């Protein structure tokens, strides 16, 4: 079975590839990565505790 991509999928794939290439060229520092993970954990806990 052949996979057929429409224009939306082609556009989305191109955007994702561009993002991946950007982050390969501009990696985050360890400090910034840990700061973002901490923020995500806090947001997740806040969301789960509001249920």
C-alpha atoms as a PDB file:
ATOM      1  CA  UNK A   1       0.000   0.000   0.000  1.00  0.00           C
ATOM      2  CA  UNK A   2       1.414   3.319  -1.078  1.00  0.00           C
ATOM      3  CA  UNK A   3       1.242   6.298   1.262  1.00  0.00           C
ATOM      4  CA  UNK A   4      -0.206   9.409  -0.339  1.00  0.00           C
ATOM      5  CA  UNK A   5       0.370  12.767   1.333  1.00  0.00           C
ATOM      6  CA  UNK A   6      -1.865  15.724   0.637  1.00  0.00           C
ATOM      7  CA  UNK A   7      -0.726  19.363   0.714  1.00  0.00           C
ATOM      8  CA  UNK A   8      -1.529  19.721   4.425  1.00  0.00           C
ATOM      9  CA  UNK A   9       0.715  16.798   5.354  1.00  0.00           C
ATOM     10  CA  UNK A  10       3.511  18.018   3.106  1.00  0.00           C
ATOM     11  CA  UNK A  11       3.324  21.478   4.703  1.00  0.00           C
ATOM     12  CA  UNK A  12       3.240  20.056   8.227  1.00  0.00           C
ATOM     13  CA  UNK A  13       6.197  17.749   7.537  1.00  0.00           C
ATOM     14  CA  UNK A  14       8.215  20.635   6.086  1.00  0.00           C
ATOM     15  CA  UNK A  15       7.484  22.795   9.155  1.00  0.00           C
ATOM     16  CA  UNK A  16       8.518  19.984  11.506  1.00  0.00           C
ATOM     17  CA  UNK A  17      11.762  19.397   9.600  1.00  0.00           C
ATOM     18  CA  UNK A  18      12.528  23.121   9.768  1.00  0.00           C
ATOM     19  CA  UNK A  19      11.981  23.107  13.547  1.00  0.00           C
ATOM     20  CA  UNK A  20      14.221  20.075  13.994  1.00  0.00           C
ATOM     21  CA  UNK A  21      16.975  21.692  11.913  1.00  0.00           C
ATOM     22  CA  UNK A  22      16.695  24.919  13.921  1.00  0.00           C
ATOM     23  CA  UNK A  23      17.033  23.137  17.271  1.00  0.00           C
ATOM     24  CA  UNK A  24      19.959  21.065  15.988  1.00  0.00           C
ATOM     25  CA  UNK A  25      21.715  24.318  15.089  1.00  0.00           C
ATOM     26  CA  UNK A  26      20.673  26.092  18.328  1.00  0.00           C
ATOM     27  CA  UNK A  27      20.661  23.583  21.202  1.00  0.00           C
ATOM     28  CA  UNK A  28      19.457  24.679  24.626  1.00  0.00           C
ATOM     29  CA  UNK A  29      21.837  24.931  27.509  1.00  0.00           C
ATOM     30  CA  UNK A  30      21.508  22.394  30.301  1.00  0.00           C
ATOM     31  CA  UNK A  31      20.293  25.128  32.652  1.00  0.00           C
ATOM     32  CA  UNK A  32      17.563  26.257  30.233  1.00  0.00           C
ATOM     33  CA  UNK A  33      16.475  22.661  29.576  1.00  0.00           C
ATOM     34  CA  UNK A  34      16.109  21.971  33.290  1.00  0.00           C
ATOM     35  CA  UNK A  35      14.209  25.245  33.781  1.00  0.00           C
ATOM     36  CA  UNK A  36      11.722  24.289  31.058  1.00  0.00           C
ATOM     37  CA  UNK A  37      11.257  20.774  32.440  1.00  0.00           C
ATOM     38  CA  UNK A  38      10.598  22.185  35.901  1.00  0.00           C
ATOM     39  CA  UNK A  39       8.017  24.589  34.478  1.00  0.00           C
ATOM     40  CA  UNK A  40       6.283  21.774  32.570  1.00  0.00           C
ATOM     41  CA  UNK A  41       6.128  19.614  35.695  1.00  0.00           C
ATOM     42  CA  UNK A  42       4.628  22.486  37.682  1.00  0.00           C
ATOM     43  CA  UNK A  43       2.013  23.088  34.984  1.00  0.00           C
ATOM     44  CA  UNK A  44       1.154  19.383  34.837  1.00  0.00           C
ATOM     45  CA  UNK A  45       0.738  19.183  38.599  1.00  0.00           C
ATOM     46  CA  UNK A  46      -1.426  22.302  38.640  1.00  0.00           C
ATOM     47  CA  UNK A  47      -3.596  20.865  35.874  1.00  0.00           C
ATOM     48  CA  UNK A  48      -3.952  17.453  37.543  1.00  0.00           C
ATOM     49  CA  UNK A  49      -4.683  18.899  40.970  1.00  0.00           C
ATOM     50  CA  UNK A  50      -7.486  21.083  39.583  1.00  0.00           C
ATOM     51  CA  UNK A  51      -9.557  17.988  38.735  1.00  0.00           C
END
